[in-house]
Amino acid sequence: MEEFRGRTAVVTGGGGGIGKAMAVAFAQEGMNVVIGEIDMDAAASAVAEVESHGVRAIAVQNDVSDRASMQALADATNEAFGDCHVLCNNAGVVTFKLAQDMTEADWDWVVGVDLYGVIYGIQAFLPGMVAAGEGGHIVNTASIAGLVAPATPGISSYSTAKYGVVGISEALAQDLAPHNIGVSVLCPGGVRSRIVEAGRNRPDEFGGPETPDTRMMMTGESVPQEMIEPEDLAQKVLNAIRGNHLYVVSHPETQPAVEARFQRILDAYDLIPS
């Protein structure tokens, strides 16, 4: 996808961090933007910044872990702007707990947002994108933790969901190639955002707001990562959409860990009895 101007982008979790940076980057390219967000104060601020670039934007209160809420986001997009051309399934949460300490609510909350949020986004928007016949692009936000589980210790549920997002994206790219709809999976390392504070918006049905126990991040040897700005990552996303790149990575220092993971898989074939 090379033409952005006059088209429409939808960004979940678009009120801050990576989501807001992508929304602004799309606006700078002349796209109208729909911000899906659970925090409407943050969404309003993002809309104002997006509109400062001379495009239109709306904010829709949205819970990506709820299928009906995602369909409502798609309906609001169609009513305001017509077809969606770039869908960014970006909203994400994390809780810092070892697998043996995770409750059912912990698993349900993290997997509901980080994995089912992507699935529900695809279900809500993809049929319309295919039917429109105008091509487009889907960006699914995963993480380096979706390529290397030990990237940050103490986030087993997050890694589980993000591995799923990588798998969905790889399969989706094959399915959608005949329809001229590209797919990218975003796998960054450390980015300056508030995701470690995601528990501030944790719903009551999943235990209510929580303060992150980031000590869990220090329980093992993590992959070294520099912190980058979300705006820098957003530019990588634009380049990936233009070039139809499936994988979007951002931290060269994580490459040895990814190589080591796949080498372990390759080495396992040598253990098959002849």
Protein backbone atom coordinates (compact mmCIF):
# COMPACT_ATOMS: atom_id res chain seq x y z
CA MET A 1 0.00 0.00 0.00
CA GLU A 2 1.59 3.24 -1.15
CA GLU A 3 -1.21 5.82 -1.16
CA PHE A 4 -2.28 7.11 2.26
CA ARG A 5 -3.88 10.48 1.62
CA GLY A 6 -7.65 10.56 1.97
CA ARG A 7 -7.81 7.03 3.32
CA THR A 8 -8.80 5.88 6.81
CA ALA A 9 -6.76 4.28 9.57
CA VAL A 10 -8.15 2.65 12.72
CA VAL A 11 -5.89 2.36 15.75
CA THR A 12 -6.92 0.55 18.92
CA GLY A 13 -5.19 1.72 22.06
CA GLY A 14 -4.62 4.93 20.13
CA GLY A 15 -4.72 7.29 23.10
CA GLY A 16 -1.06 6.99 23.99
CA GLY A 17 2.27 5.31 23.41
CA ILE A 18 2.74 3.36 20.19
CA GLY A 19 -0.91 3.72 19.21
CA LYS A 20 -0.94 7.50 19.43
CA ALA A 21 2.36 7.74 17.59
CA MET A 22 0.97 5.64 14.74
CA ALA A 23 -2.22 7.71 14.65
CA VAL A 24 -0.24 10.93 14.35
CA ALA A 25 2.07 9.43 11.71
CA PHE A 26 -0.96 8.44 9.63
CA ALA A 27 -2.40 11.95 10.01
CA GLN A 28 0.86 13.43 8.78
CA GLU A 29 0.42 11.30 5.66
CA GLY A 30 -3.08 12.73 5.12
CA MET A 31 -5.16 9.89 6.54
CA ASN A 32 -8.33 10.27 8.58
CA VAL A 33 -8.02 8.39 11.86
CA VAL A 34 -10.32 6.49 14.20
CA ILE A 35 -9.00 6.15 17.75
CA GLY A 36 -10.34 3.16 19.67
CA GLU A 37 -9.58 3.61 23.34
CA ILE A 38 -10.80 2.60 26.78
CA ASP A 39 -9.49 5.87 28.29
CA MET A 40 -11.54 8.61 26.66
CA ASP A 41 -9.54 11.48 28.15
CA ALA A 42 -6.44 10.11 26.45
CA ALA A 43 -8.43 9.53 23.28
CA ALA A 44 -9.64 13.13 23.18
CA SER A 45 -6.09 14.40 23.50
CA ALA A 46 -4.95 12.12 20.68
CA VAL A 47 -7.81 13.24 18.43
CA ALA A 48 -6.85 16.88 18.95
CA GLU A 49 -3.25 16.17 17.97
CA VAL A 50 -4.29 14.15 14.93
CA GLU A 51 -6.68 16.88 13.75
CA SER A 52 -3.91 19.48 14.08
CA HIS A 53 -2.49 17.96 10.91
CA GLY A 54 -5.53 18.93 8.87
CA VAL A 55 -7.34 15.60 8.79
CA ARG A 56 -10.48 14.33 10.48
CA ALA A 57 -10.52 12.06 13.50
CA ILE A 58 -12.99 10.51 15.91
CA ALA A 59 -12.62 8.72 19.22
CA VAL A 60 -14.69 5.66 20.06
CA GLN A 61 -14.76 4.13 23.51
CA ASN A 62 -13.65 0.59 22.91
CA ASP A 63 -12.80 -2.59 24.78
CA VAL A 64 -10.89 -4.81 22.36
CA SER A 65 -11.51 -7.90 24.51
CA ASP A 66 -15.25 -7.62 23.80
CA ARG A 67 -16.39 -8.79 20.36
CA ALA A 68 -19.46 -6.53 20.35
CA SER A 69 -17.33 -3.52 21.24
CA MET A 70 -15.02 -4.22 18.30
CA GLN A 71 -17.98 -4.51 15.96
CA ALA A 72 -19.26 -1.19 17.29
CA LEU A 73 -15.86 0.32 16.47
CA ALA A 74 -16.15 -0.98 12.91
CA ASP A 75 -19.68 0.38 12.61
CA ALA A 76 -18.60 3.81 13.87
CA THR A 77 -15.74 3.83 11.36
CA ASN A 78 -18.05 3.00 8.48
CA GLU A 79 -20.53 5.68 9.54
CA ALA A 80 -17.89 8.40 9.88
CA PHE A 81 -15.51 7.64 7.02
CA GLY A 82 -16.64 4.61 5.05
CA ASP A 83 -14.12 1.85 4.48
CA CYS A 84 -11.12 1.12 6.69
CA HIS A 85 -7.84 0.93 4.79
CA VAL A 86 -5.30 0.48 7.59
CA LEU A 87 -6.26 -1.47 10.71
CA CYS A 88 -3.87 -1.38 13.66
CA ASN A 89 -4.73 -3.97 16.30
CA ASN A 90 -2.52 -2.31 18.85
CA ALA A 91 -4.14 -2.21 22.30
CA GLY A 92 -2.18 -4.23 24.85
CA VAL A 93 -1.83 -4.94 28.56
CA VAL A 94 0.63 -6.81 30.75
CA THR A 95 0.78 -8.19 34.25
CA PHE A 96 4.06 -9.13 35.91
CA LYS A 97 3.67 -12.58 37.42
CA LEU A 98 5.31 -15.96 37.06
CA ALA A 99 3.15 -18.60 35.39
CA GLN A 100 2.69 -20.54 38.63
CA ASP A 101 1.36 -17.42 40.34
CA MET A 102 -1.13 -16.42 37.64
CA THR A 103 -4.83 -16.49 38.51
CA GLU A 104 -7.63 -17.25 36.06
CA ALA A 105 -8.42 -13.55 36.01
CA ASP A 106 -4.80 -12.71 35.14
CA TRP A 107 -4.85 -15.06 32.17
CA ASP A 108 -8.30 -13.99 31.01
CA TRP A 109 -7.45 -10.28 31.13
CA VAL A 110 -4.11 -10.43 29.33
CA VAL A 111 -5.05 -13.00 26.70
CA GLY A 112 -8.43 -11.32 26.20
CA VAL A 113 -6.86 -7.99 25.31
CA ASP A 114 -3.58 -9.01 23.71
CA LEU A 115 -4.71 -12.00 21.64
CA TYR A 116 -8.50 -11.94 21.35
CA GLY A 117 -8.34 -8.20 20.78
CA VAL A 118 -6.49 -8.93 17.55
CA ILE A 119 -8.86 -11.74 16.61
CA TYR A 120 -11.95 -9.60 17.23
CA GLY A 121 -10.41 -6.74 15.24
CA ILE A 122 -9.87 -9.04 12.29
CA GLN A 123 -13.41 -10.39 12.56
CA ALA A 124 -14.95 -6.93 12.76
CA PHE A 125 -13.01 -5.18 9.98
CA LEU A 126 -11.65 -7.73 7.55
CA PRO A 127 -14.86 -8.73 5.75
CA GLY A 128 -15.50 -5.10 4.85
CA MET A 129 -11.90 -4.56 3.73
CA VAL A 130 -12.09 -7.58 1.43
CA ALA A 131 -15.53 -6.65 0.08
CA ALA A 132 -14.43 -3.08 -0.70
CA GLY A 133 -11.75 -4.39 -3.03
CA GLU A 134 -9.50 -1.40 -2.38
CA GLY A 135 -6.60 -3.26 -0.77
CA GLY A 136 -5.13 -2.04 2.48
CA HIS A 137 -3.00 -3.19 5.36
CA ILE A 138 -3.34 -4.74 8.80
CA VAL A 139 -0.76 -4.05 11.52
CA ASN A 140 -0.85 -6.33 14.56
CA THR A 141 1.20 -5.22 17.53
CA ALA A 142 3.10 -8.13 19.06
CA SER A 143 6.45 -7.72 20.82
CA ILE A 144 9.98 -9.08 20.91
CA ALA A 145 8.36 -11.25 23.61
CA GLY A 146 6.39 -12.84 20.75
CA LEU A 147 9.64 -14.02 19.19
CA VAL A 148 11.74 -14.73 22.27
CA ALA A 149 9.87 -15.74 25.41
CA PRO A 150 12.68 -14.78 27.85
CA ALA A 151 12.88 -11.26 26.40
CA THR A 152 11.51 -10.01 29.72
CA PRO A 153 11.03 -12.53 32.54
CA GLY A 154 7.80 -12.61 34.53
CA ILE A 155 5.38 -11.98 31.66
CA SER A 156 4.34 -15.51 30.70
CA SER A 157 0.77 -14.54 29.83
CA TYR A 158 1.96 -11.62 27.70
CA SER A 159 4.45 -13.81 25.83
CA THR A 160 1.75 -16.43 25.25
CA ALA A 161 -0.56 -13.86 23.69
CA LYS A 162 2.15 -12.21 21.61
CA TYR A 163 3.37 -15.52 20.19
CA GLY A 164 -0.24 -16.00 19.10
CA VAL A 165 -0.29 -12.59 17.44
CA VAL A 166 2.83 -13.47 15.46
CA GLY A 167 1.23 -16.73 14.32
CA ILE A 168 -2.03 -15.07 13.33
CA SER A 169 -0.15 -12.45 11.33
CA GLU A 170 1.94 -15.01 9.46
CA ALA A 171 -1.15 -17.01 8.48
CA LEU A 172 -3.19 -13.91 7.67
CA ALA A 173 -0.52 -12.65 5.26
CA GLN A 174 -0.96 -15.79 3.17
CA ASP A 175 -4.75 -15.61 3.23
CA LEU A 176 -4.93 -11.96 2.22
CA ALA A 177 -2.25 -11.77 -0.46
CA PRO A 178 -4.79 -12.36 -3.28
CA HIS A 179 -6.83 -9.42 -1.99
CA ASN A 180 -3.96 -6.92 -2.01
CA ILE A 181 -4.22 -6.54 1.77
CA GLY A 182 -0.82 -6.59 3.40
CA VAL A 183 -0.05 -7.69 6.94
CA SER A 184 2.68 -6.58 9.32
CA VAL A 185 3.43 -7.83 12.82
CA LEU A 186 5.14 -5.29 15.03
CA CYS A 187 7.75 -6.88 17.33
CA PRO A 188 9.50 -4.07 19.21
CA GLY A 189 11.69 -4.26 22.26
CA GLY A 190 11.56 -1.48 24.83
CA VAL A 191 9.44 1.51 23.86
CA ARG A 192 8.65 4.53 26.01
CA SER A 193 4.98 3.99 26.78
CA ARG A 194 2.70 3.33 29.74
CA ILE A 195 2.09 -0.35 29.09
CA VAL A 196 3.76 -1.28 32.39
CA GLU A 197 0.97 0.77 34.01
CA ALA A 198 -1.76 -1.06 32.07
CA GLY A 199 -3.18 -2.34 35.34
CA ARG A 200 -4.55 1.12 36.06
CA ASN A 201 -7.39 0.30 33.62
CA ARG A 202 -7.86 -3.34 34.64
CA PRO A 203 -11.63 -3.98 34.78
CA ASP A 204 -13.31 -4.99 38.00
CA GLU A 205 -14.39 -8.30 36.46
CA PHE A 206 -10.70 -9.21 36.24
CA GLY A 207 -9.77 -8.04 39.72
CA GLY A 208 -9.81 -4.28 39.26
CA PRO A 209 -6.92 -1.80 39.00
CA GLU A 210 -3.50 -3.06 40.03
CA THR A 211 -0.05 -1.60 40.59
CA PRO A 212 2.57 -3.47 38.57
CA ASP A 213 5.10 -5.56 40.46
CA THR A 214 7.94 -4.83 38.08
CA ARG A 215 10.34 -6.77 40.30
CA MET A 216 9.24 -9.75 38.25
CA MET A 217 11.19 -8.23 35.37
CA MET A 218 14.36 -8.89 37.33
CA THR A 219 13.77 -12.56 38.15
CA GLY A 220 15.81 -13.81 35.20
CA GLU A 221 18.27 -12.77 32.56
CA SER A 222 16.43 -10.58 30.06
CA VAL A 223 17.43 -9.71 26.52
CA PRO A 224 19.27 -6.34 26.57
CA GLN A 225 17.12 -3.62 25.02
CA GLU A 226 17.48 0.11 24.64
CA MET A 227 14.36 2.24 25.08
CA ILE A 228 13.19 3.93 21.89
CA GLU A 229 10.56 6.59 21.26
CA PRO A 230 7.14 5.51 19.93
CA GLU A 231 7.43 8.09 17.15
CA ASP A 232 10.51 6.28 15.79
CA LEU A 233 8.60 3.01 15.82
CA ALA A 234 5.66 4.62 14.00
CA GLN A 235 7.96 5.55 11.12
CA LYS A 236 9.05 1.93 10.87
CA VAL A 237 5.39 0.98 10.63
CA LEU A 238 4.83 3.40 7.76
CA ASN A 239 7.82 1.95 5.93
CA ALA A 240 6.54 -1.58 6.52
CA ILE A 241 3.12 -0.71 5.10
CA ARG A 242 4.68 0.87 2.04
CA GLY A 243 6.97 -2.09 1.46
CA ASN A 244 4.49 -4.78 2.61
CA HIS A 245 6.98 -6.12 5.14
CA LEU A 246 5.61 -8.88 7.35
CA TYR A 247 7.97 -8.49 10.30
CA VAL A 248 8.69 -5.10 11.86
CA VAL A 249 11.57 -5.22 14.34
CA SER A 250 13.23 -2.28 16.01
CA HIS A 251 16.10 -3.33 18.28
CA PRO A 252 19.21 -4.78 16.60
CA GLU A 253 20.50 -5.87 19.99
CA THR A 254 17.72 -8.47 20.20
CA GLN A 255 18.82 -10.27 17.02
CA PRO A 256 21.24 -12.72 18.73
CA ALA A 257 18.46 -13.92 21.05
CA VAL A 258 16.12 -14.54 18.11
CA GLU A 259 18.86 -16.37 16.22
CA ALA A 260 19.62 -18.51 19.30
CA ARG A 261 15.95 -19.49 19.65
CA PHE A 262 15.70 -20.69 16.08
CA GLN A 263 19.04 -22.44 16.32
CA ARG A 264 17.71 -24.45 19.25
CA ILE A 265 14.75 -25.48 17.09
CA LEU A 266 17.05 -26.49 14.24
CA ASP A 267 19.30 -28.40 16.62
CA ALA A 268 16.30 -30.40 17.81
CA TYR A 269 16.07 -32.03 14.38
CA ASP A 270 19.47 -33.58 15.00
CA LEU A 271 17.96 -35.38 18.00
CA ILE A 272 15.46 -37.30 15.86
CA PRO A 273 16.56 -40.96 15.81
CA SER A 274 17.74 -42.00 12.37
